[in-house]
C-alpha atoms as a PDB file:
ATOM      1  CA  MET A   1       0.000   0.000   0.000  1.00  0.00           C
ATOM      2  CA  ASP A   2       2.999   2.248  -0.032  1.00  0.00           C
ATOM      3  CA  GLY A   3       4.371   4.244  -2.929  1.00  0.00           C
ATOM      4  CA  GLN A   4       7.777   4.298  -4.531  1.00  0.00           C
ATOM      5  CA  ALA A   5      10.471   6.953  -4.633  1.00  0.00           C
ATOM      6  CA  ASN A   6      11.808   8.196  -7.952  1.00  0.00           C
ATOM      7  CA  SER A   7      15.413   8.408  -9.015  1.00  0.00           C
ATOM      8  CA  THR A   8      15.920  11.660  -7.082  1.00  0.00           C
ATOM      9  CA  LYS A   9      14.670  10.093  -3.867  1.00  0.00           C
ATOM     10  CA  GLU A  10      11.361  11.933  -4.303  1.00  0.00           C
ATOM     11  CA  ARG A  11       8.008  10.292  -4.767  1.00  0.00           C
ATOM     12  CA  PHE A  12       5.621  10.540  -7.665  1.00  0.00           C
ATOM     13  CA  TRP A  13       3.100  12.819  -6.005  1.00  0.00           C
ATOM     14  CA  GLU A  14       0.209  11.814  -8.259  1.00  0.00           C
ATOM     15  CA  LEU A  15       0.381   8.227  -7.012  1.00  0.00           C
ATOM     16  CA  ASP A  16       0.285   9.402  -3.396  1.00  0.00           C
ATOM     17  CA  VAL A  17      -2.743  11.580  -4.189  1.00  0.00           C
ATOM     18  CA  LEU A  18      -4.587   8.710  -5.858  1.00  0.00           C
ATOM     19  CA  ARG A  19      -3.769   6.489  -2.893  1.00  0.00           C
ATOM     20  CA  GLY A  20      -4.930   9.235  -0.526  1.00  0.00           C
ATOM     21  CA  LEU A  21      -8.276   9.424  -2.324  1.00  0.00           C
ATOM     22  CA  ALA A  22      -8.619   5.667  -1.910  1.00  0.00           C
ATOM     23  CA  VAL A  23      -7.848   6.038   1.811  1.00  0.00           C
ATOM     24  CA  LEU A  24     -10.642   8.587   2.236  1.00  0.00           C
ATOM     25  CA  SER A  25     -13.079   6.365   0.366  1.00  0.00           C
ATOM     26  CA  MET A  26     -12.046   3.369   2.462  1.00  0.00           C
ATOM     27  CA  ILE A  27     -12.586   5.244   5.732  1.00  0.00           C
ATOM     28  CA  GLY A  28     -16.001   6.473   4.621  1.00  0.00           C
ATOM     29  CA  LEU A  29     -17.131   3.016   3.511  1.00  0.00           C
ATOM     30  CA  HIS A  30     -15.886   1.370   6.692  1.00  0.00           C
ATOM     31  CA  LEU A  31     -17.579   4.036   8.798  1.00  0.00           C
ATOM     32  CA  LEU A  32     -20.924   3.110   7.252  1.00  0.00           C
ATOM     33  CA  ALA A  33     -20.211  -0.599   7.719  1.00  0.00           C
ATOM     34  CA  ASP A  34     -19.215  -0.083  11.370  1.00  0.00           C
ATOM     35  CA  MET A  35     -22.387   1.884  12.065  1.00  0.00           C
ATOM     36  CA  ASP A  36     -24.400  -0.942  10.574  1.00  0.00           C
ATOM     37  CA  TYR A  37     -22.432  -3.486  12.640  1.00  0.00           C
ATOM     38  CA  LEU A  38     -23.144  -1.549  15.856  1.00  0.00           C
ATOM     39  CA  LYS A  39     -26.850  -1.240  14.944  1.00  0.00           C
ATOM     40  CA  ILE A  40     -26.597   2.544  14.653  1.00  0.00           C
ATOM     41  CA  PRO A  41     -29.426   3.763  12.383  1.00  0.00           C
ATOM     42  CA  VAL A  42     -27.952   4.762   9.048  1.00  0.00           C
ATOM     43  CA  ARG A  43     -29.413   4.786   5.570  1.00  0.00           C
ATOM     44  CA  TYR A  44     -27.341   4.027   2.525  1.00  0.00           C
ATOM     45  CA  ASN A  45     -27.764   2.227  -0.768  1.00  0.00           C
ATOM     46  CA  HIS A  46     -26.083  -1.169  -0.380  1.00  0.00           C
ATOM     47  CA  ARG A  47     -25.700  -1.591  -4.130  1.00  0.00           C
ATOM     48  CA  ILE A  48     -23.879   1.721  -4.440  1.00  0.00           C
ATOM     49  CA  TRP A  49     -21.825   0.796  -1.353  1.00  0.00           C
ATOM     50  CA  ASN A  50     -20.739  -2.473  -2.999  1.00  0.00           C
ATOM     51  CA  VAL A  51     -19.780  -0.692  -6.219  1.00  0.00           C
ATOM     52  CA  ALA A  52     -17.807   1.933  -4.275  1.00  0.00           C
ATOM     53  CA  GLN A  53     -16.040  -0.787  -2.284  1.00  0.00           C
ATOM     54  CA  THR A  54     -15.057  -2.596  -5.476  1.00  0.00           C
ATOM     55  CA  LEU A  55     -13.730   0.598  -7.076  1.00  0.00           C
ATOM     56  CA  THR A  56     -11.800   1.592  -3.940  1.00  0.00           C
ATOM     57  CA  ALA A  57     -10.211  -1.836  -3.575  1.00  0.00           C
ATOM     58  CA  GLY A  58      -9.380  -1.884  -7.268  1.00  0.00           C
ATOM     59  CA  GLN A  59      -7.689   1.506  -6.952  1.00  0.00           C
ATOM     60  CA  PHE A  60      -5.530   0.319  -4.042  1.00  0.00           C
ATOM     61  CA  LEU A  61      -4.550  -2.845  -5.902  1.00  0.00           C
ATOM     62  CA  LEU A  62      -3.762  -1.066  -9.165  1.00  0.00           C
ATOM     63  CA  LEU A  63      -1.493   1.310  -7.253  1.00  0.00           C
ATOM     64  CA  ALA A  64       0.176  -1.628  -5.502  1.00  0.00           C
ATOM     65  CA  GLY A  65       0.987  -3.038  -8.935  1.00  0.00           C
ATOM     66  CA  VAL A  66       2.307   0.328 -10.144  1.00  0.00           C
ATOM     67  CA  SER A  67       4.589   0.431  -7.090  1.00  0.00           C
ATOM     68  CA  LEU A  68       5.932  -3.011  -7.961  1.00  0.00           C
ATOM     69  CA  ALA A  69       6.729  -1.839 -11.492  1.00  0.00           C
ATOM     70  CA  LEU A  70       8.446   1.289 -10.156  1.00  0.00           C
ATOM     71  CA  GLY A  71      10.564  -0.766  -7.773  1.00  0.00           C
ATOM     72  CA  SER A  72      11.774  -2.845 -10.696  1.00  0.00           C
ATOM     73  CA  ALA A  73      12.271   0.093 -13.077  1.00  0.00           C
ATOM     74  CA  ARG A  74      14.273   2.012 -10.498  1.00  0.00           C
ATOM     75  CA  LEU A  75      17.063  -0.556 -10.740  1.00  0.00           C
ATOM     76  CA  GLY A  76      17.453  -0.003 -14.477  1.00  0.00           C
ATOM     77  CA  PRO A  77      18.388  -2.706 -17.013  1.00  0.00           C
ATOM     78  CA  ALA A  78      21.673  -3.441 -15.243  1.00  0.00           C
ATOM     79  CA  GLY A  79      20.196  -3.539 -11.766  1.00  0.00           C
ATOM     80  CA  ASP A  80      20.809  -6.257  -9.217  1.00  0.00           C
ATOM     81  CA  ARG A  81      17.978  -8.689  -9.903  1.00  0.00           C
ATOM     82  CA  ARG A  82      18.927 -10.842  -6.944  1.00  0.00           C
ATOM     83  CA  ALA A  83      18.548  -7.849  -4.631  1.00  0.00           C
ATOM     84  CA  LEU A  84      15.163  -7.137  -6.177  1.00  0.00           C
ATOM     85  CA  LEU A  85      14.042 -10.721  -5.622  1.00  0.00           C
ATOM     86  CA  LYS A  86      15.208 -10.599  -2.007  1.00  0.00           C
ATOM     87  CA  LYS A  87      13.326  -7.344  -1.479  1.00  0.00           C
ATOM     88  CA  GLN A  88      10.171  -8.789  -3.024  1.00  0.00           C
ATOM     89  CA  LEU A  89      10.298 -11.877  -0.834  1.00  0.00           C
ATOM     90  CA  HIS A  90      10.877  -9.840   2.322  1.00  0.00           C
ATOM     91  CA  ARG A  91       8.155  -7.303   1.548  1.00  0.00           C
ATOM     92  CA  GLY A  92       5.627  -9.883   0.398  1.00  0.00           C
ATOM     93  CA  ALA A  93       6.179 -12.154   3.393  1.00  0.00           C
ATOM     94  CA  GLY A  94       5.892  -9.166   5.736  1.00  0.00           C
ATOM     95  CA  LEU A  95       2.541  -8.045   4.341  1.00  0.00           C
ATOM     96  CA  PHE A  96       1.223 -11.601   4.338  1.00  0.00           C
ATOM     97  CA  ALA A  97       2.261 -11.929   7.995  1.00  0.00           C
ATOM     98  CA  TRP A  98       0.315  -8.755   8.816  1.00  0.00           C
ATOM     99  CA  GLY A  99      -2.650 -10.301   7.050  1.00  0.00           C
ATOM    100  CA  MET A 100      -2.376 -13.433   9.180  1.00  0.00           C
ATOM    101  CA  LEU A 101      -2.237 -11.306  12.327  1.00  0.00           C
ATOM    102  CA  ILE A 102      -5.479  -9.646  11.234  1.00  0.00           C
ATOM    103  CA  THR A 103      -6.954 -13.122  10.673  1.00  0.00           C
ATOM    104  CA  PHE A 104      -6.157 -14.188  14.239  1.00  0.00           C
ATOM    105  CA  VAL A 105      -7.358 -10.906  15.770  1.00  0.00           C
ATOM    106  CA  THR A 106     -10.649 -10.801  13.868  1.00  0.00           C
ATOM    107  CA  LYS A 107     -11.327 -14.471  14.570  1.00  0.00           C
ATOM    108  CA  GLY A 108     -10.916 -13.838  18.287  1.00  0.00           C
ATOM    109  CA  VAL A 109     -12.978 -10.642  18.283  1.00  0.00           C
ATOM    110  CA  MET A 110     -15.676 -11.415  15.729  1.00  0.00           C
ATOM    111  CA  GLY A 111     -15.897 -15.162  15.347  1.00  0.00           C
ATOM    112  CA  GLU A 112     -18.207 -15.523  12.366  1.00  0.00           C
ATOM    113  CA  GLY A 113     -17.237 -13.426   9.348  1.00  0.00           C
ATOM    114  CA  TYR A 114     -13.582 -13.008  10.369  1.00  0.00           C
ATOM    115  CA  VAL A 115     -10.916 -12.178   7.782  1.00  0.00           C
ATOM    116  CA  VAL A 116      -9.740 -15.355   6.066  1.00  0.00           C
ATOM    117  CA  PHE A 117      -7.942 -13.963   3.023  1.00  0.00           C
ATOM    118  CA  GLY A 118      -8.115 -10.185   3.033  1.00  0.00           C
ATOM    119  CA  VAL A 119      -6.436  -7.423   1.086  1.00  0.00           C
ATOM    120  CA  LEU A 120      -3.090  -7.700   2.916  1.00  0.00           C
ATOM    121  CA  HIS A 121      -2.975 -11.456   2.305  1.00  0.00           C
ATOM    122  CA  LEU A 122      -3.621 -10.785  -1.364  1.00  0.00           C
ATOM    123  CA  ILE A 123      -1.053  -8.013  -1.818  1.00  0.00           C
ATOM    124  CA  GLY A 124       1.576 -10.033   0.049  1.00  0.00           C
ATOM    125  CA  PHE A 125       0.802 -13.071  -2.108  1.00  0.00           C
ATOM    126  CA  CYS A 126       1.010 -11.017  -5.315  1.00  0.00           C
ATOM    127  CA  ILE A 127       4.323  -9.452  -4.300  1.00  0.00           C
ATOM    128  CA  LEU A 128       5.789 -12.884  -3.583  1.00  0.00           C
ATOM    129  CA  LEU A 129       4.810 -14.171  -7.022  1.00  0.00           C
ATOM    130  CA  SER A 130       5.292 -10.994  -9.079  1.00  0.00           C
ATOM    131  CA  TYR A 131       9.028 -11.250  -9.739  1.00  0.00           C
ATOM    132  CA  PRO A 132       8.743 -13.059 -13.129  1.00  0.00           C
ATOM    133  CA  LEU A 133       6.237 -10.419 -14.283  1.00  0.00           C
ATOM    134  CA  LEU A 134       8.376  -7.370 -13.532  1.00  0.00           C
ATOM    135  CA  GLY A 135       9.786  -5.848 -16.696  1.00  0.00           C
ATOM    136  CA  ARG A 136       6.942  -7.190 -18.835  1.00  0.00           C
ATOM    137  CA  THR A 137       4.289  -4.845 -20.198  1.00  0.00           C
ATOM    138  CA  TRP A 138       1.726  -6.157 -22.658  1.00  0.00           C
ATOM    139  CA  PHE A 139       1.914  -9.701 -21.311  1.00  0.00           C
ATOM    140  CA  ASN A 140       0.689  -8.340 -17.968  1.00  0.00           C
ATOM    141  CA  LEU A 141      -2.252  -6.633 -19.656  1.00  0.00           C
ATOM    142  CA  GLY A 142      -3.465  -9.971 -21.036  1.00  0.00           C
ATOM    143  CA  LEU A 143      -2.740 -11.874 -17.838  1.00  0.00           C
ATOM    144  CA  GLY A 144      -4.489  -9.326 -15.619  1.00  0.00           C
ATOM    145  CA  LEU A 145      -7.631  -9.317 -17.748  1.00  0.00           C
ATOM    146  CA  ALA A 146      -7.601 -13.119 -17.901  1.00  0.00           C
ATOM    147  CA  LEU A 147      -7.424 -13.414 -14.106  1.00  0.00           C
ATOM    148  CA  ILE A 148     -10.339 -11.017 -13.695  1.00  0.00           C
ATOM    149  CA  GLY A 149     -12.379 -13.028 -16.194  1.00  0.00           C
ATOM    150  CA  ALA A 150     -11.450 -16.299 -14.487  1.00  0.00           C
ATOM    151  CA  GLY A 151     -12.450 -14.849 -11.133  1.00  0.00           C
ATOM    152  CA  ILE A 152     -15.881 -13.840 -12.401  1.00  0.00           C
ATOM    153  CA  TYR A 153     -16.394 -17.375 -13.669  1.00  0.00           C
ATOM    154  CA  VAL A 154     -15.009 -19.195 -10.611  1.00  0.00           C
ATOM    155  CA  GLY A 155     -16.870 -16.881  -8.235  1.00  0.00           C
ATOM    156  CA  ARG A 156     -20.141 -18.482  -9.312  1.00  0.00           C
ATOM    157  CA  TRP A 157     -19.094 -21.892  -7.996  1.00  0.00           C
ATOM    158  CA  ARG A 158     -20.194 -23.141  -4.597  1.00  0.00           C
ATOM    159  CA  VAL A 159     -18.397 -26.039  -2.952  1.00  0.00           C
ATOM    160  CA  VAL A 160     -18.252 -27.834   0.394  1.00  0.00           C
ATOM    161  CA  CYS A 161     -14.486 -27.768   0.974  1.00  0.00           C
ATOM    162  CA  PRO A 162     -13.069 -24.407   2.211  1.00  0.00           C
ATOM    163  CA  TRP A 163      -9.434 -25.063   1.249  1.00  0.00           C
ATOM    164  CA  LEU A 164      -9.585 -23.074  -1.992  1.00  0.00           C
ATOM    165  CA  LEU A 165     -10.983 -19.906  -0.410  1.00  0.00           C
ATOM    166  CA  TRP A 166      -7.677 -18.150  -1.084  1.00  0.00           C
ATOM    167  CA  LEU A 167      -8.123 -18.830  -4.802  1.00  0.00           C
ATOM    168  CA  GLY A 168     -11.731 -17.677  -4.991  1.00  0.00           C
ATOM    169  CA  VAL A 169     -13.696 -20.929  -4.765  1.00  0.00           C
ATOM    170  CA  ILE A 170     -16.359 -20.175  -2.148  1.00  0.00           C
ATOM    171  CA  PRO A 171     -18.243 -22.653   0.088  1.00  0.00           C
ATOM    172  CA  ALA A 172     -21.981 -22.168   0.346  1.00  0.00           C
ATOM    173  CA  GLY A 173     -22.886 -19.725   3.130  1.00  0.00           C
ATOM    174  CA  PHE A 174     -19.372 -18.264   3.403  1.00  0.00           C
ATOM    175  CA  HIS A 175     -19.088 -14.697   4.710  1.00  0.00           C
ATOM    176  CA  SER A 176     -16.091 -12.525   5.538  1.00  0.00           C
ATOM    177  CA  VAL A 177     -15.805  -8.816   6.289  1.00  0.00           C
ATOM    178  CA  ASP A 178     -12.650  -8.568   4.157  1.00  0.00           C
ATOM    179  CA  TYR A 179     -12.305 -11.119   1.362  1.00  0.00           C
ATOM    180  CA  PHE A 180     -10.017 -10.605  -1.648  1.00  0.00           C
ATOM    181  CA  PRO A 181      -9.132 -13.956  -3.252  1.00  0.00           C
ATOM    182  CA  VAL A 182      -6.479 -14.367  -5.928  1.00  0.00           C
ATOM    183  CA  LEU A 183      -9.217 -14.751  -8.546  1.00  0.00           C
ATOM    184  CA  PRO A 184     -10.157 -12.103  -9.600  1.00  0.00           C
ATOM    185  CA  TRP A 185      -8.291  -9.642  -7.361  1.00  0.00           C
ATOM    186  CA  ALA A 186      -4.738 -10.468  -8.455  1.00  0.00           C
ATOM    187  CA  GLY A 187      -5.853  -9.156 -11.840  1.00  0.00           C
ATOM    188  CA  PRO A 188      -5.847  -5.454 -10.812  1.00  0.00           C
ATOM    189  CA  VAL A 189      -2.385  -5.836  -9.236  1.00  0.00           C
ATOM    190  CA  ILE A 190      -0.988  -7.252 -12.462  1.00  0.00           C
ATOM    191  CA  LEU A 191      -2.764  -4.581 -14.488  1.00  0.00           C
ATOM    192  CA  GLY A 192      -1.064  -2.079 -12.174  1.00  0.00           C
ATOM    193  CA  ILE A 193       2.322  -3.564 -13.104  1.00  0.00           C
ATOM    194  CA  PHE A 194       1.342  -3.093 -16.751  1.00  0.00           C
ATOM    195  CA  LEU A 195       0.344   0.542 -16.129  1.00  0.00           C
ATOM    196  CA  GLY A 196       3.513   1.187 -14.140  1.00  0.00           C
ATOM    197  CA  HIS A 197       5.785  -0.017 -16.936  1.00  0.00           C
ATOM    198  CA  LEU A 198       3.686   1.841 -19.508  1.00  0.00           C
ATOM    199  CA  GLY A 199       3.471   5.159 -17.668  1.00  0.00           C
ATOM    200  CA  TYR A 200       6.827   5.195 -15.844  1.00  0.00           C
ATOM    201  CA  PRO A 201       9.390   3.398 -18.030  1.00  0.00           C
ATOM    202  CA  ASP A 202      12.908   3.558 -16.579  1.00  0.00           C
ATOM    203  CA  HIS A 203      11.372   5.202 -13.518  1.00  0.00           C
ATOM    204  CA  VAL A 204      10.575   8.382 -15.454  1.00  0.00           C
ATOM    205  CA  ARG A 205       7.054   9.795 -15.784  1.00  0.00           C
ATOM    206  CA  ARG A 206       6.001   9.532 -19.426  1.00  0.00           C
ATOM    207  CA  PHE A 207       3.163  12.068 -19.205  1.00  0.00           C
ATOM    208  CA  PRO A 208       3.366  15.796 -18.290  1.00  0.00           C
ATOM    209  CA  LEU A 209       2.394  16.901 -14.783  1.00  0.00           C
ATOM    210  CA  PRO A 210       3.451  19.779 -12.500  1.00  0.00           C
ATOM    211  CA  ASP A 211       6.456  18.831 -10.410  1.00  0.00           C
ATOM    212  CA  ARG A 212       5.175  19.825  -6.976  1.00  0.00           C
ATOM    213  CA  PRO A 213       1.604  21.135  -6.636  1.00  0.00           C
ATOM    214  CA  LYS A 214       1.245  23.480  -3.652  1.00  0.00           C
ATOM    215  CA  GLY A 215      -2.482  23.195  -2.913  1.00  0.00           C
ATOM    216  CA  ARG A 216      -3.459  22.114   0.581  1.00  0.00           C
ATOM    217  CA  VAL A 217      -5.868  19.485  -0.710  1.00  0.00           C
ATOM    218  CA  VAL A 218      -3.162  17.874  -2.829  1.00  0.00           C
ATOM    219  CA  ARG A 219      -0.684  17.977   0.047  1.00  0.00           C
ATOM    220  CA  GLY A 220      -3.235  16.498   2.436  1.00  0.00           C
ATOM    221  CA  LEU A 221      -4.139  13.685   0.065  1.00  0.00           C
ATOM    222  CA  GLY A 222      -0.459  13.046  -0.535  1.00  0.00           C
ATOM    223  CA  TRP A 223       0.119  12.732   3.207  1.00  0.00           C
ATOM    224  CA  LEU A 224      -2.697  10.189   3.468  1.00  0.00           C
ATOM    225  CA  GLY A 225      -1.252   8.268   0.541  1.00  0.00           C
ATOM    226  CA  ARG A 226       2.232   8.176   2.028  1.00  0.00           C
ATOM    227  CA  HIS A 227       0.854   6.766   5.295  1.00  0.00           C
ATOM    228  CA  SER A 228      -1.819   4.501   3.811  1.00  0.00           C
ATOM    229  CA  PHE A 229      -0.494   1.281   5.367  1.00  0.00           C
ATOM    230  CA  VAL A 230      -0.496   2.627   8.930  1.00  0.00           C
ATOM    231  CA  ILE A 231      -3.905   4.221   8.394  1.00  0.00           C
ATOM    232  CA  TYR A 232      -5.236   0.911   7.102  1.00  0.00           C
ATOM    233  CA  LEU A 233      -4.037  -0.903  10.219  1.00  0.00           C
ATOM    234  CA  VAL A 234      -5.403   1.566  12.787  1.00  0.00           C
ATOM    235  CA  HIS A 235      -8.482   3.171  11.242  1.00  0.00           C
ATOM    236  CA  GLN A 236     -10.971   0.416  12.086  1.00  0.00           C
ATOM    237  CA  PRO A 237     -10.213   0.253  15.843  1.00  0.00           C
ATOM    238  CA  VAL A 238     -10.263   4.067  15.950  1.00  0.00           C
ATOM    239  CA  LEU A 239     -13.613   4.258  14.124  1.00  0.00           C
ATOM    240  CA  LEU A 240     -15.202   1.630  16.347  1.00  0.00           C
ATOM    241  CA  LEU A 241     -13.902   3.301  19.514  1.00  0.00           C
ATOM    242  CA  LEU A 242     -15.174   6.717  18.445  1.00  0.00           C
ATOM    243  CA  LEU A 243     -18.587   5.346  17.521  1.00  0.00           C
ATOM    244  CA  LYS A 244     -18.909   3.534  20.836  1.00  0.00           C
ATOM    245  CA  VAL A 245     -17.888   6.645  22.781  1.00  0.00           C
ATOM    246  CA  LEU A 246     -20.285   8.867  20.833  1.00  0.00           C
ATOM    247  CA  THR A 247     -23.202   6.459  21.173  1.00  0.00           C
ATOM    248  CA  GLY A 248     -22.461   5.303  24.723  1.00  0.00           C
ATOM    249  CA  GLN A 249     -22.314   1.628  23.743  1.00  0.00           C
END
């Protein structure tokens, strides 16, 4: 969920802003879900909520893929590929471990509906397996679209065994508050790698943008984007605590 620095040790501000917008959307969506969970009267269109959740998650995952492409491009053609592989393994395993911690915590707190394979599991998994895809462009476009299509197809299946939940094969009656299986959700990550190589070849922005916008809104969104991982980890406990304090529950 973090961005990448460019060759001058600075970040691409537009990616931080896009990630910051996704953070705001995530907080708003989770606020509504938490109010519903605590039985606080709130009216919202569930269909629109589901669409907004899908778009927000897709934005986070696309940006995660772009960051992977930037990390590869920053090394250049003569970069140390072994160092890149080591970094990918370390980063992917770390995010997956955070995901497992969330699994254990939510299982203890919630019981039914706990996080089995959430967004951190997915991003960690994709990072671990993305190394052969880094440096490729159009191949990733086809692969990403194929995974999304496969996920739509597989998502219609209902089985008894839960062991393929991580892939996207769902048992009847399954429910989780945060579920992002490999099919179809690895597709946006791989499409992000495609977009990263297309838009930032050799770690240089291909399209014209101002170097450093000075508006407060842009700076604020950039700050959110730069701290998106920490915000993701802490925002739910903070929201629930605030709602309970405000409602006296």
